[in-house]
Amino acid sequence: MSKKKIVLAEDNSVLALLLKFKLEKSGYDLQIAEDGKQAIELIESHQPDLILTDIMMPYLSGLELISHVRNKLNLETPIIVFSAAGQEENVLSAFDLGATDFMAKPISPNELVIRIKRLIR
């Protein structure tokens, strides 16, 4: 069975490396984008099984990324959104645009793996 592919859009390099270590150890193939623009390029070229995105990022926000994936690429790929606490309006917008799940920062890598397993079997 081939590894499930995940694209992570996260501009915090420490968090991105922590999640890369945890997800690859859990058997996933992870591609990291440092901003929304790079994330779209990775999504288009890798056809991931799941997308993880922060809301606040350079160039393209996580909300713009979700909108692009749902409306321009017409993909049903599950999307888990990360956001700092107190961003309820952004979270609601993310769900309106088609996000599948949400996690507040700081993220628990173990909880993230459980959520991913639930979304991509």
PDB file of N, CA and C in Angstrom:
ATOM      1  N   MET A   1       0.838  -1.186   0.000  1.00  0.00           N
ATOM      2  CA  MET A   1       0.000   0.000   0.000  1.00  0.00           C
ATOM      3  C   MET A   1       0.882   1.247   0.000  1.00  0.00           C
ATOM      4  N   SER A   2       0.593   2.203  -0.881  1.00  0.00           N
ATOM      5  CA  SER A   2       1.412   3.408  -0.947  1.00  0.00           C
ATOM      6  C   SER A   2       1.059   4.344   0.205  1.00  0.00           C
ATOM      7  N   LYS A   3       2.034   5.159   0.578  1.00  0.00           N
ATOM      8  CA  LYS A   3       1.819   6.117   1.667  1.00  0.00           C
ATOM      9  C   LYS A   3       0.791   7.161   1.256  1.00  0.00           C
ATOM     10  N   LYS A   4      -0.033   7.563   2.208  1.00  0.00           N
ATOM     11  CA  LYS A   4      -0.986   8.640   1.975  1.00  0.00           C
ATOM     12  C   LYS A   4      -0.207   9.951   1.953  1.00  0.00           C
ATOM     13  N   LYS A   5      -0.551  10.823   0.990  1.00  0.00           N
ATOM     14  CA  LYS A   5       0.157  12.089   0.817  1.00  0.00           C
ATOM     15  C   LYS A   5      -0.585  13.233   1.483  1.00  0.00           C
ATOM     16  N   ILE A   6       0.194  14.059   2.182  1.00  0.00           N
ATOM     17  CA  ILE A   6      -0.364  15.217   2.877  1.00  0.00           C
ATOM     18  C   ILE A   6       0.437  16.458   2.488  1.00  0.00           C
ATOM     19  N   VAL A   7      -0.274  17.549   2.203  1.00  0.00           N
ATOM     20  CA  VAL A   7       0.383  18.841   2.024  1.00  0.00           C
ATOM     21  C   VAL A   7       0.103  19.672   3.265  1.00  0.00           C
ATOM     22  N   LEU A   8       1.179  20.204   3.875  1.00  0.00           N
ATOM     23  CA  LEU A   8       1.080  21.061   5.056  1.00  0.00           C
ATOM     24  C   LEU A   8       1.449  22.486   4.665  1.00  0.00           C
ATOM     25  N   ALA A   9       0.527  23.421   4.846  1.00  0.00           N
ATOM     26  CA  ALA A   9       0.798  24.844   4.611  1.00  0.00           C
ATOM     27  C   ALA A   9       0.941  25.512   5.971  1.00  0.00           C
ATOM     28  N   GLU A  10       2.181  25.803   6.346  1.00  0.00           N
ATOM     29  CA  GLU A  10       2.462  26.346   7.685  1.00  0.00           C
ATOM     30  C   GLU A  10       3.723  27.196   7.612  1.00  0.00           C
ATOM     31  N   ASP A  11       3.620  28.484   7.984  1.00  0.00           N
ATOM     32  CA  ASP A  11       4.785  29.366   7.901  1.00  0.00           C
ATOM     33  C   ASP A  11       5.663  29.333   9.148  1.00  0.00           C
ATOM     34  N   ASN A  12       5.247  28.628  10.193  1.00  0.00           N
ATOM     35  CA  ASN A  12       6.079  28.471  11.395  1.00  0.00           C
ATOM     36  C   ASN A  12       6.961  27.243  11.183  1.00  0.00           C
ATOM     37  N   SER A  13       8.242  27.473  10.914  1.00  0.00           N
ATOM     38  CA  SER A  13       9.134  26.366  10.543  1.00  0.00           C
ATOM     39  C   SER A  13       9.323  25.356  11.676  1.00  0.00           C
ATOM     40  N   VAL A  14       9.289  25.811  12.925  1.00  0.00           N
ATOM     41  CA  VAL A  14       9.450  24.881  14.052  1.00  0.00           C
ATOM     42  C   VAL A  14       8.260  23.917  14.110  1.00  0.00           C
ATOM     43  N   LEU A  15       7.053  24.462  14.000  1.00  0.00           N
ATOM     44  CA  LEU A  15       5.854  23.628  14.007  1.00  0.00           C
ATOM     45  C   LEU A  15       5.844  22.700  12.788  1.00  0.00           C
ATOM     46  N   ALA A  16       6.204  23.230  11.624  1.00  0.00           N
ATOM     47  CA  ALA A  16       6.222  22.426  10.407  1.00  0.00           C
ATOM     48  C   ALA A  16       7.167  21.223  10.555  1.00  0.00           C
ATOM     49  N   LEU A  17       8.347  21.449  11.120  1.00  0.00           N
ATOM     50  CA  LEU A  17       9.310  20.347  11.299  1.00  0.00           C
ATOM     51  C   LEU A  17       8.828  19.337  12.327  1.00  0.00           C
ATOM     52  N   LEU A  18       8.198  19.823  13.401  1.00  0.00           N
ATOM     53  CA  LEU A  18       7.636  18.931  14.420  1.00  0.00           C
ATOM     54  C   LEU A  18       6.561  18.035  13.786  1.00  0.00           C
ATOM     55  N   LEU A  19       5.659  18.637  13.014  1.00  0.00           N
ATOM     56  CA  LEU A  19       4.593  17.860  12.376  1.00  0.00           C
ATOM     57  C   LEU A  19       5.153  16.919  11.314  1.00  0.00           C
ATOM     58  N   LYS A  20       6.192  17.365  10.590  1.00  0.00           N
ATOM     59  CA  LYS A  20       6.826  16.509   9.582  1.00  0.00           C
ATOM     60  C   LYS A  20       7.365  15.246  10.250  1.00  0.00           C
ATOM     61  N   PHE A  21       8.084  15.429  11.359  1.00  0.00           N
ATOM     62  CA  PHE A  21       8.658  14.292  12.090  1.00  0.00           C
ATOM     63  C   PHE A  21       7.541  13.339  12.542  1.00  0.00           C
ATOM     64  N   LYS A  22       6.499  13.881  13.161  1.00  0.00           N
ATOM     65  CA  LYS A  22       5.412  13.068  13.707  1.00  0.00           C
ATOM     66  C   LYS A  22       4.640  12.342  12.602  1.00  0.00           C
ATOM     67  N   LEU A  23       4.316  13.050  11.526  1.00  0.00           N
ATOM     68  CA  LEU A  23       3.501  12.448  10.466  1.00  0.00           C
ATOM     69  C   LEU A  23       4.289  11.427   9.643  1.00  0.00           C
ATOM     70  N   GLU A  24       5.554  11.716   9.380  1.00  0.00           N
ATOM     71  CA  GLU A  24       6.356  10.733   8.641  1.00  0.00           C
ATOM     72  C   GLU A  24       6.582   9.488   9.489  1.00  0.00           C
ATOM     73  N   LYS A  25       6.755   9.676  10.790  1.00  0.00           N
ATOM     74  CA  LYS A  25       6.897   8.536  11.709  1.00  0.00           C
ATOM     75  C   LYS A  25       5.605   7.704  11.731  1.00  0.00           C
ATOM     76  N   SER A  26       4.470   8.368  11.485  1.00  0.00           N
ATOM     77  CA  SER A  26       3.171   7.684  11.458  1.00  0.00           C
ATOM     78  C   SER A  26       2.853   7.095  10.081  1.00  0.00           C
ATOM     79  N   GLY A  27       3.805   7.214   9.145  1.00  0.00           N
ATOM     80  CA  GLY A  27       3.648   6.563   7.850  1.00  0.00           C
ATOM     81  C   GLY A  27       3.095   7.409   6.716  1.00  0.00           C
ATOM     82  N   TYR A  28       3.075   8.727   6.898  1.00  0.00           N
ATOM     83  CA  TYR A  28       2.561   9.610   5.850  1.00  0.00           C
ATOM     84  C   TYR A  28       3.703  10.246   5.065  1.00  0.00           C
ATOM     85  N   ASP A  29       3.414  10.586   3.811  1.00  0.00           N
ATOM     86  CA  ASP A  29       4.352  11.315   2.963  1.00  0.00           C
ATOM     87  C   ASP A  29       3.951  12.783   3.047  1.00  0.00           C
ATOM     88  N   LEU A  30       4.804  13.629   3.650  1.00  0.00           N
ATOM     89  CA  LEU A  30       4.437  15.017   3.908  1.00  0.00           C
ATOM     90  C   LEU A  30       5.237  15.989   3.045  1.00  0.00           C
ATOM     91  N   GLN A  31       4.524  16.898   2.385  1.00  0.00           N
ATOM     92  CA  GLN A  31       5.128  17.995   1.631  1.00  0.00           C
ATOM     93  C   GLN A  31       4.809  19.278   2.378  1.00  0.00           C
ATOM     94  N   ILE A  32       5.833  20.122   2.611  1.00  0.00           N
ATOM     95  CA  ILE A  32       5.621  21.357   3.377  1.00  0.00           C
ATOM     96  C   ILE A  32       5.703  22.587   2.483  1.00  0.00           C
ATOM     97  N   ALA A  33       4.703  23.454   2.620  1.00  0.00           N
ATOM     98  CA  ALA A  33       4.696  24.755   1.952  1.00  0.00           C
ATOM     99  C   ALA A  33       4.799  25.828   3.019  1.00  0.00           C
ATOM    100  N   GLU A  34       5.619  26.854   2.769  1.00  0.00           N
ATOM    101  CA  GLU A  34       5.798  27.927   3.753  1.00  0.00           C
ATOM    102  C   GLU A  34       4.778  29.041   3.595  1.00  0.00           C
ATOM    103  N   ASP A  35       3.989  28.989   2.521  1.00  0.00           N
ATOM    104  CA  ASP A  35       2.957  29.994   2.320  1.00  0.00           C
ATOM    105  C   ASP A  35       1.850  29.399   1.440  1.00  0.00           C
ATOM    106  N   GLY A  36       0.748  30.141   1.314  1.00  0.00           N
ATOM    107  CA  GLY A  36      -0.407  29.642   0.574  1.00  0.00           C
ATOM    108  C   GLY A  36      -0.145  29.420  -0.904  1.00  0.00           C
ATOM    109  N   LYS A  37       0.680  30.294  -1.496  1.00  0.00           N
ATOM    110  CA  LYS A  37       0.985  30.186  -2.928  1.00  0.00           C
ATOM    111  C   LYS A  37       1.744  28.875  -3.207  1.00  0.00           C
ATOM    112  N   GLN A  38       2.749  28.616  -2.403  1.00  0.00           N
ATOM    113  CA  GLN A  38       3.536  27.386  -2.537  1.00  0.00           C
ATOM    114  C   GLN A  38       2.650  26.158  -2.276  1.00  0.00           C
ATOM    115  N   ALA A  39       1.713  26.281  -1.347  1.00  0.00           N
ATOM    116  CA  ALA A  39       0.815  25.176  -1.021  1.00  0.00           C
ATOM    117  C   ALA A  39      -0.032  24.792  -2.236  1.00  0.00           C
ATOM    118  N   ILE A  40      -0.546  25.782  -2.948  1.00  0.00           N
ATOM    119  CA  ILE A  40      -1.367  25.504  -4.133  1.00  0.00           C
ATOM    120  C   ILE A  40      -0.551  24.764  -5.190  1.00  0.00           C
ATOM    121  N   GLU A  41       0.709  25.186  -5.364  1.00  0.00           N
ATOM    122  CA  GLU A  41       1.589  24.503  -6.328  1.00  0.00           C
ATOM    123  C   GLU A  41       1.782  23.040  -5.926  1.00  0.00           C
ATOM    124  N   LEU A  42       2.013  22.794  -4.639  1.00  0.00           N
ATOM    125  CA  LEU A  42       2.193  21.414  -4.158  1.00  0.00           C
ATOM    126  C   LEU A  42       0.911  20.600  -4.314  1.00  0.00           C
ATOM    127  N   ILE A  43      -0.227  21.202  -4.028  1.00  0.00           N
ATOM    128  CA  ILE A  43      -1.514  20.501  -4.147  1.00  0.00           C
ATOM    129  C   ILE A  43      -1.763  20.115  -5.601  1.00  0.00           C
ATOM    130  N   GLU A  44      -1.494  21.043  -6.507  1.00  0.00           N
ATOM    131  CA  GLU A  44      -1.716  20.764  -7.927  1.00  0.00           C
ATOM    132  C   GLU A  44      -0.765  19.693  -8.451  1.00  0.00           C
ATOM    133  N   SER A  45       0.480  19.681  -7.965  1.00  0.00           N
ATOM    134  CA  SER A  45       1.453  18.717  -8.493  1.00  0.00           C
ATOM    135  C   SER A  45       1.429  17.364  -7.776  1.00  0.00           C
ATOM    136  N   HIS A  46       1.008  17.322  -6.509  1.00  0.00           N
ATOM    137  CA  HIS A  46       1.068  16.069  -5.730  1.00  0.00           C
ATOM    138  C   HIS A  46      -0.268  15.380  -5.510  1.00  0.00           C
ATOM    139  N   GLN A  47      -1.391  16.077  -5.784  1.00  0.00           N
ATOM    140  CA  GLN A  47      -2.718  15.484  -5.548  1.00  0.00           C
ATOM    141  C   GLN A  47      -2.777  14.794  -4.178  1.00  0.00           C
ATOM    142  N   PRO A  48      -2.638  15.568  -3.087  1.00  0.00           N
ATOM    143  CA  PRO A  48      -2.578  14.940  -1.753  1.00  0.00           C
ATOM    144  C   PRO A  48      -3.914  14.305  -1.334  1.00  0.00           C
ATOM    145  N   ASP A  49      -3.816  13.380  -0.386  1.00  0.00           N
ATOM    146  CA  ASP A  49      -5.002  12.737   0.187  1.00  0.00           C
ATOM    147  C   ASP A  49      -5.620  13.617   1.266  1.00  0.00           C
ATOM    148  N   LEU A  50      -4.818  14.583   1.783  1.00  0.00           N
ATOM    149  CA  LEU A  50      -5.284  15.465   2.855  1.00  0.00           C
ATOM    150  C   LEU A  50      -4.466  16.753   2.814  1.00  0.00           C
ATOM    151  N   ILE A  51      -5.091  17.866   3.199  1.00  0.00           N
ATOM    152  CA  ILE A  51      -4.415  19.156   3.256  1.00  0.00           C
ATOM    153  C   ILE A  51      -4.517  19.697   4.680  1.00  0.00           C
ATOM    154  N   LEU A  52      -3.387  20.160   5.208  1.00  0.00           N
ATOM    155  CA  LEU A  52      -3.340  20.819   6.515  1.00  0.00           C
ATOM    156  C   LEU A  52      -2.944  22.260   6.246  1.00  0.00           C
ATOM    157  N   THR A  53      -3.683  23.220   6.787  1.00  0.00           N
ATOM    158  CA  THR A  53      -3.313  24.617   6.549  1.00  0.00           C
ATOM    159  C   THR A  53      -3.537  25.509   7.755  1.00  0.00           C
ATOM    160  N   ASP A  54      -2.584  26.409   7.949  1.00  0.00           N
ATOM    161  CA  ASP A  54      -2.744  27.481   8.919  1.00  0.00           C
ATOM    162  C   ASP A  54      -3.646  28.525   8.252  1.00  0.00           C
ATOM    163  N   ILE A  55      -4.314  29.366   9.033  1.00  0.00           N
ATOM    164  CA  ILE A  55      -5.132  30.411   8.417  1.00  0.00           C
ATOM    165  C   ILE A  55      -4.269  31.615   8.056  1.00  0.00           C
ATOM    166  N   MET A  56      -3.446  32.064   8.996  1.00  0.00           N
ATOM    167  CA  MET A  56      -2.625  33.251   8.761  1.00  0.00           C
ATOM    168  C   MET A  56      -1.290  32.855   8.129  1.00  0.00           C
ATOM    169  N   MET A  57      -1.133  33.177   6.829  1.00  0.00           N
ATOM    170  CA  MET A  57       0.109  32.870   6.116  1.00  0.00           C
ATOM    171  C   MET A  57       0.417  33.977   5.112  1.00  0.00           C
ATOM    172  N   PRO A  58       1.693  34.074   4.700  1.00  0.00           N
ATOM    173  CA  PRO A  58       2.052  35.058   3.674  1.00  0.00           C
ATOM    174  C   PRO A  58       1.456  34.707   2.305  1.00  0.00           C
ATOM    175  N   TYR A  59       1.324  35.707   1.464  1.00  0.00           N
ATOM    176  CA  TYR A  59       0.870  35.617   0.066  1.00  0.00           C
ATOM    177  C   TYR A  59      -0.587  35.214  -0.087  1.00  0.00           C
ATOM    178  N   LEU A  60      -0.934  34.022   0.361  1.00  0.00           N
ATOM    179  CA  LEU A  60      -2.325  33.559   0.309  1.00  0.00           C
ATOM    180  C   LEU A  60      -2.678  33.014   1.682  1.00  0.00           C
ATOM    181  N   SER A  61      -3.797  33.443   2.243  1.00  0.00           N
ATOM    182  CA  SER A  61      -4.194  32.936   3.560  1.00  0.00           C
ATOM    183  C   SER A  61      -4.748  31.516   3.429  1.00  0.00           C
ATOM    184  N   GLY A  62      -4.905  30.861   4.561  1.00  0.00           N
ATOM    185  CA  GLY A  62      -5.519  29.537   4.560  1.00  0.00           C
ATOM    186  C   GLY A  62      -6.933  29.576   4.001  1.00  0.00           C
ATOM    187  N   LEU A  63      -7.655  30.684   4.255  1.00  0.00           N
ATOM    188  CA  LEU A  63      -9.019  30.819   3.733  1.00  0.00           C
ATOM    189  C   LEU A  63      -9.000  30.877   2.203  1.00  0.00           C
ATOM    190  N   GLU A  64      -8.055  31.644   1.645  1.00  0.00           N
ATOM    191  CA  GLU A  64      -7.933  31.722   0.184  1.00  0.00           C
ATOM    192  C   GLU A  64      -7.525  30.366  -0.401  1.00  0.00           C
ATOM    193  N   LEU A  65      -6.683  29.655   0.340  1.00  0.00           N
ATOM    194  CA  LEU A  65      -6.251  28.318  -0.084  1.00  0.00           C
ATOM    195  C   LEU A  65      -7.453  27.362  -0.152  1.00  0.00           C
ATOM    196  N   ILE A  66      -8.284  27.368   0.887  1.00  0.00           N
ATOM    197  CA  ILE A  66      -9.473  26.502   0.907  1.00  0.00           C
ATOM    198  C   ILE A  66     -10.386  26.846  -0.269  1.00  0.00           C
ATOM    199  N   SER A  67     -10.613  28.130  -0.464  1.00  0.00           N
ATOM    200  CA  SER A  67     -11.467  28.581  -1.555  1.00  0.00           C
ATOM    201  C   SER A  67     -10.926  28.107  -2.907  1.00  0.00           C
ATOM    202  N   HIS A  68      -9.621  28.222  -3.098  1.00  0.00           N
ATOM    203  CA  HIS A  68      -8.996  27.796  -4.361  1.00  0.00           C
ATOM    204  C   HIS A  68      -9.168  26.284  -4.581  1.00  0.00           C
ATOM    205  N   VAL A  69      -8.914  25.513  -3.528  1.00  0.00           N
ATOM    206  CA  VAL A  69      -9.025  24.048  -3.628  1.00  0.00           C
ATOM    207  C   VAL A  69     -10.463  23.636  -3.958  1.00  0.00           C
ATOM    208  N   ARG A  70     -11.434  24.255  -3.295  1.00  0.00           N
ATOM    209  CA  ARG A  70     -12.842  23.876  -3.484  1.00  0.00           C
ATOM    210  C   ARG A  70     -13.442  24.424  -4.792  1.00  0.00           C
ATOM    211  N   ASN A  71     -13.134  25.686  -5.121  1.00  0.00           N
ATOM    212  CA  ASN A  71     -13.807  26.347  -6.238  1.00  0.00           C
ATOM    213  C   ASN A  71     -13.048  26.333  -7.559  1.00  0.00           C
ATOM    214  N   LYS A  72     -11.716  26.446  -7.511  1.00  0.00           N
ATOM    215  CA  LYS A  72     -10.939  26.467  -8.760  1.00  0.00           C
ATOM    216  C   LYS A  72     -10.499  25.055  -9.159  1.00  0.00           C
ATOM    217  N   LEU A  73     -10.021  24.285  -8.166  1.00  0.00           N
ATOM    218  CA  LEU A  73      -9.538  22.929  -8.462  1.00  0.00           C
ATOM    219  C   LEU A  73     -10.663  21.895  -8.358  1.00  0.00           C
ATOM    220  N   ASN A  74     -11.788  22.289  -7.751  1.00  0.00           N
ATOM    221  CA  ASN A  74     -12.933  21.388  -7.537  1.00  0.00           C
ATOM    222  C   ASN A  74     -12.543  20.074  -6.868  1.00  0.00           C
ATOM    223  N   LEU A  75     -11.705  20.165  -5.845  1.00  0.00           N
ATOM    224  CA  LEU A  75     -11.260  18.968  -5.126  1.00  0.00           C
ATOM    225  C   LEU A  75     -12.076  18.786  -3.850  1.00  0.00           C
ATOM    226  N   GLU A  76     -12.346  17.524  -3.526  1.00  0.00           N
ATOM    227  CA  GLU A  76     -13.060  17.178  -2.289  1.00  0.00           C
ATOM    228  C   GLU A  76     -12.084  16.750  -1.194  1.00  0.00           C
ATOM    229  N   THR A  77     -10.792  16.951  -1.422  1.00  0.00           N
ATOM    230  CA  THR A  77      -9.742  16.560  -0.481  1.00  0.00           C
ATOM    231  C   THR A  77     -10.047  17.108   0.911  1.00  0.00           C
ATOM    232  N   PRO A  78      -9.976  16.264   1.957  1.00  0.00           N
ATOM    233  CA  PRO A  78     -10.204  16.777   3.316  1.00  0.00           C
ATOM    234  C   PRO A  78      -9.183  17.858   3.668  1.00  0.00           C
ATOM    235  N   ILE A  79      -9.650  18.899   4.341  1.00  0.00           N
ATOM    236  CA  ILE A  79      -8.776  20.006   4.754  1.00  0.00           C
ATOM    237  C   ILE A  79      -8.945  20.238   6.250  1.00  0.00           C
ATOM    238  N   ILE A  80      -7.829  20.143   6.982  1.00  0.00           N
ATOM    239  CA  ILE A  80      -7.829  20.473   8.414  1.00  0.00           C
ATOM    240  C   ILE A  80      -7.161  21.838   8.556  1.00  0.00           C
ATOM    241  N   VAL A  81      -7.847  22.749   9.234  1.00  0.00           N
ATOM    242  CA  VAL A  81      -7.375  24.120   9.412  1.00  0.00           C
ATOM    243  C   VAL A  81      -6.829  24.305  10.821  1.00  0.00           C
ATOM    244  N   PHE A  82      -5.698  25.042  10.926  1.00  0.00           N
ATOM    245  CA  PHE A  82      -5.125  25.420  12.221  1.00  0.00           C
ATOM    246  C   PHE A  82      -5.326  26.916  12.401  1.00  0.00           C
ATOM    247  N   SER A  83      -5.570  27.325  13.646  1.00  0.00           N
ATOM    248  CA  SER A  83      -5.631  28.754  13.923  1.00  0.00           C
ATOM    249  C   SER A  83      -5.352  28.995  15.393  1.00  0.00           C
ATOM    250  N   ALA A  84      -4.788  30.158  15.671  1.00  0.00           N
ATOM    251  CA  ALA A  84      -4.562  30.539  17.060  1.00  0.00           C
ATOM    252  C   ALA A  84      -5.914  30.784  17.731  1.00  0.00           C
ATOM    253  N   ALA A  85      -5.933  30.665  19.042  1.00  0.00           N
ATOM    254  CA  ALA A  85      -7.167  30.890  19.796  1.00  0.00           C
ATOM    255  C   ALA A  85      -7.690  32.299  19.542  1.00  0.00           C
ATOM    256  N   GLY A  86      -8.985  32.478  19.656  1.00  0.00           N
ATOM    257  CA  GLY A  86      -9.575  33.798  19.506  1.00  0.00           C
ATOM    258  C   GLY A  86      -9.827  34.196  18.060  1.00  0.00           C
ATOM    259  N   GLN A  87      -9.792  33.238  17.170  1.00  0.00           N
ATOM    260  CA  GLN A  87      -9.993  33.518  15.748  1.00  0.00           C
ATOM    261  C   GLN A  87     -11.307  32.899  15.260  1.00  0.00           C
ATOM    262  N   GLU A  88     -12.331  32.945  16.096  1.00  0.00           N
ATOM    263  CA  GLU A  88     -13.591  32.262  15.784  1.00  0.00           C
ATOM    264  C   GLU A  88     -14.159  32.650  14.416  1.00  0.00           C
ATOM    265  N   GLU A  89     -14.087  33.927  14.083  1.00  0.00           N
ATOM    266  CA  GLU A  89     -14.623  34.392  12.803  1.00  0.00           C
ATOM    267  C   GLU A  89     -13.922  33.692  11.631  1.00  0.00           C
ATOM    268  N   ASN A  90     -12.594  33.575  11.720  1.00  0.00           N
ATOM    269  CA  ASN A  90     -11.831  32.886  10.675  1.00  0.00           C
ATOM    270  C   ASN A  90     -12.202  31.414  10.591  1.00  0.00           C
ATOM    271  N   VAL A  91     -12.403  30.795  11.738  1.00  0.00           N
ATOM    272  CA  VAL A  91     -12.757  29.371  11.775  1.00  0.00           C
ATOM    273  C   VAL A  91     -14.110  29.153  11.099  1.00  0.00           C
ATOM    274  N   LEU A  92     -15.080  30.001  11.423  1.00  0.00           N
ATOM    275  CA  LEU A  92     -16.398  29.886  10.809  1.00  0.00           C
ATOM    276  C   LEU A  92     -16.310  30.106   9.299  1.00  0.00           C
ATOM    277  N   SER A  93     -15.493  31.078   8.881  1.00  0.00           N
ATOM    278  CA  SER A  93     -15.283  31.316   7.448  1.00  0.00           C
ATOM    279  C   SER A  93     -14.659  30.086   6.785  1.00  0.00           C
ATOM    280  N   ALA A  94     -13.703  29.463   7.474  1.00  0.00           N
ATOM    281  CA  ALA A  94     -13.031  28.274   6.923  1.00  0.00           C
ATOM    282  C   ALA A  94     -14.049  27.164   6.677  1.00  0.00           C
ATOM    283  N   PHE A  95     -14.948  26.948   7.627  1.00  0.00           N
ATOM    284  CA  PHE A  95     -15.979  25.917   7.448  1.00  0.00           C
ATOM    285  C   PHE A  95     -16.935  26.291   6.320  1.00  0.00           C
ATOM    286  N   ASP A  96     -17.295  27.580   6.227  1.00  0.00           N
ATOM    287  CA  ASP A  96     -18.164  28.037   5.139  1.00  0.00           C
ATOM    288  C   ASP A  96     -17.535  27.777   3.778  1.00  0.00           C
ATOM    289  N   LEU A  97     -16.214  27.929   3.704  1.00  0.00           N
ATOM    290  CA  LEU A  97     -15.497  27.736   2.437  1.00  0.00           C
ATOM    291  C   LEU A  97     -15.268  26.266   2.098  1.00  0.00           C
ATOM    292  N   GLY A  98     -15.444  25.377   3.092  1.00  0.00           N
ATOM    293  CA  GLY A  98     -15.304  23.957   2.801  1.00  0.00           C
ATOM    294  C   GLY A  98     -14.267  23.206   3.603  1.00  0.00           C
ATOM    295  N   ALA A  99     -13.771  23.797   4.692  1.00  0.00           N
ATOM    296  CA  ALA A  99     -12.839  23.071   5.563  1.00  0.00           C
ATOM    297  C   ALA A  99     -13.555  21.869   6.167  1.00  0.00           C
ATOM    298  N   THR A 100     -12.806  20.799   6.394  1.00  0.00           N
ATOM    299  CA  THR A 100     -13.366  19.564   6.924  1.00  0.00           C
ATOM    300  C   THR A 100     -13.298  19.515   8.452  1.00  0.00           C
ATOM    301  N   ASP A 101     -12.203  20.052   9.009  1.00  0.00           N
ATOM    302  CA  ASP A 101     -11.973  19.970  10.448  1.00  0.00           C
ATOM    303  C   ASP A 101     -11.149  21.181  10.866  1.00  0.00           C
ATOM    304  N   PHE A 102     -11.084  21.408  12.199  1.00  0.00           N
ATOM    305  CA  PHE A 102     -10.360  22.549  12.741  1.00  0.00           C
ATOM    306  C   PHE A 102      -9.628  22.128  14.003  1.00  0.00           C
ATOM    307  N   MET A 103      -8.416  22.662  14.175  1.00  0.00           N
ATOM    308  CA  MET A 103      -7.673  22.464  15.421  1.00  0.00           C
ATOM    309  C   MET A 103      -7.102  23.806  15.872  1.00  0.00           C
ATOM    310  N   ALA A 104      -7.273  24.111  17.163  1.00  0.00           N
ATOM    311  CA  ALA A 104      -6.711  25.338  17.717  1.00  0.00           C
ATOM    312  C   ALA A 104      -5.228  25.130  18.028  1.00  0.00           C
ATOM    313  N   LYS A 105      -4.445  26.186  17.808  1.00  0.00           N
ATOM    314  CA  LYS A 105      -3.040  26.143  18.195  1.00  0.00           C
ATOM    315  C   LYS A 105      -2.938  26.474  19.667  1.00  0.00           C
ATOM    316  N   PRO A 106      -1.998  25.934  20.419  1.00  0.00           N
ATOM    317  CA  PRO A 106      -0.984  24.969  19.976  1.00  0.00           C
ATOM    318  C   PRO A 106      -1.596  23.600  19.675  1.00  0.00           C
ATOM    319  N   ILE A 107      -1.071  22.970  18.652  1.00  0.00           N
ATOM    320  CA  ILE A 107      -1.595  21.695  18.171  1.00  0.00           C
ATOM    321  C   ILE A 107      -0.957  20.525  18.905  1.00  0.00           C
ATOM    322  N   SER A 108      -1.772  19.536  19.217  1.00  0.00           N
ATOM    323  CA  SER A 108      -1.249  18.274  19.750  1.00  0.00           C
ATOM    324  C   SER A 108      -0.981  17.354  18.558  1.00  0.00           C
ATOM    325  N   PRO A 109       0.315  17.038  18.291  1.00  0.00           N
ATOM    326  CA  PRO A 109       0.620  16.155  17.157  1.00  0.00           C
ATOM    327  C   PRO A 109      -0.092  14.805  17.243  1.00  0.00           C
ATOM    328  N   ASN A 110      -0.238  14.263  18.455  1.00  0.00           N
ATOM    329  CA  ASN A 110      -0.922  12.973  18.606  1.00  0.00           C
ATOM    330  C   ASN A 110      -2.394  13.074  18.235  1.00  0.00           C
ATOM    331  N   GLU A 111      -3.042  14.151  18.651  1.00  0.00           N
ATOM    332  CA  GLU A 111      -4.451  14.365  18.292  1.00  0.00           C
ATOM    333  C   GLU A 111      -4.583  14.554  16.784  1.00  0.00           C
ATOM    334  N   LEU A 112      -3.630  15.271  16.190  1.00  0.00           N
ATOM    335  CA  LEU A 112      -3.656  15.488  14.745  1.00  0.00           C
ATOM    336  C   LEU A 112      -3.601  14.161  13.992  1.00  0.00           C
ATOM    337  N   VAL A 113      -2.729  13.266  14.412  1.00  0.00           N
ATOM    338  CA  VAL A 113      -2.619  11.953  13.749  1.00  0.00           C
ATOM    339  C   VAL A 113      -3.950  11.203  13.832  1.00  0.00           C
ATOM    340  N   ILE A 114      -4.614  11.258  14.982  1.00  0.00           N
ATOM    341  CA  ILE A 114      -5.910  10.592  15.140  1.00  0.00           C
ATOM    342  C   ILE A 114      -6.938  11.194  14.189  1.00  0.00           C
ATOM    343  N   ARG A 115      -6.968  12.521  14.096  1.00  0.00           N
ATOM    344  CA  ARG A 115      -7.919  13.187  13.196  1.00  0.00           C
ATOM    345  C   ARG A 115      -7.642  12.830  11.735  1.00  0.00           C
ATOM    346  N   ILE A 116      -6.358  12.765  11.373  1.00  0.00           N
ATOM    347  CA  ILE A 116      -5.991  12.408   9.996  1.00  0.00           C
ATOM    348  C   ILE A 116      -6.441  10.980   9.676  1.00  0.00           C
ATOM    349  N   LYS A 117      -6.180  10.073  10.596  1.00  0.00           N
ATOM    350  CA  LYS A 117      -6.580   8.670  10.383  1.00  0.00           C
ATOM    351  C   LYS A 117      -8.091   8.555  10.189  1.00  0.00           C
ATOM    352  N   ARG A 118      -8.845   9.392  10.906  1.00  0.00           N
ATOM    353  CA  ARG A 118     -10.292   9.385  10.778  1.00  0.00           C
ATOM    354  C   ARG A 118     -10.742   9.856   9.394  1.00  0.00           C
ATOM    355  N   LEU A 119      -9.995  10.805   8.827  1.00  0.00           N
ATOM    356  CA  LEU A 119     -10.385  11.400   7.550  1.00  0.00           C
ATOM    357  C   LEU A 119      -9.891  10.627   6.327  1.00  0.00           C
ATOM    358  N   ILE A 120      -8.720   9.991   6.425  1.00  0.00           N
ATOM    359  CA  ILE A 120      -8.206   9.224   5.279  1.00  0.00           C
ATOM    360  C   ILE A 120      -7.880   7.799   5.715  1.00  0.00           C
ATOM    361  N   ARG A 121      -8.696   6.903   5.310  1.00  0.00           N
ATOM    362  CA  ARG A 121      -8.491   5.492   5.659  1.00  0.00           C
ATOM    363  C   ARG A 121      -7.860   4.767   4.512  1.00  0.00           C
TER     364      ARG A 121
END
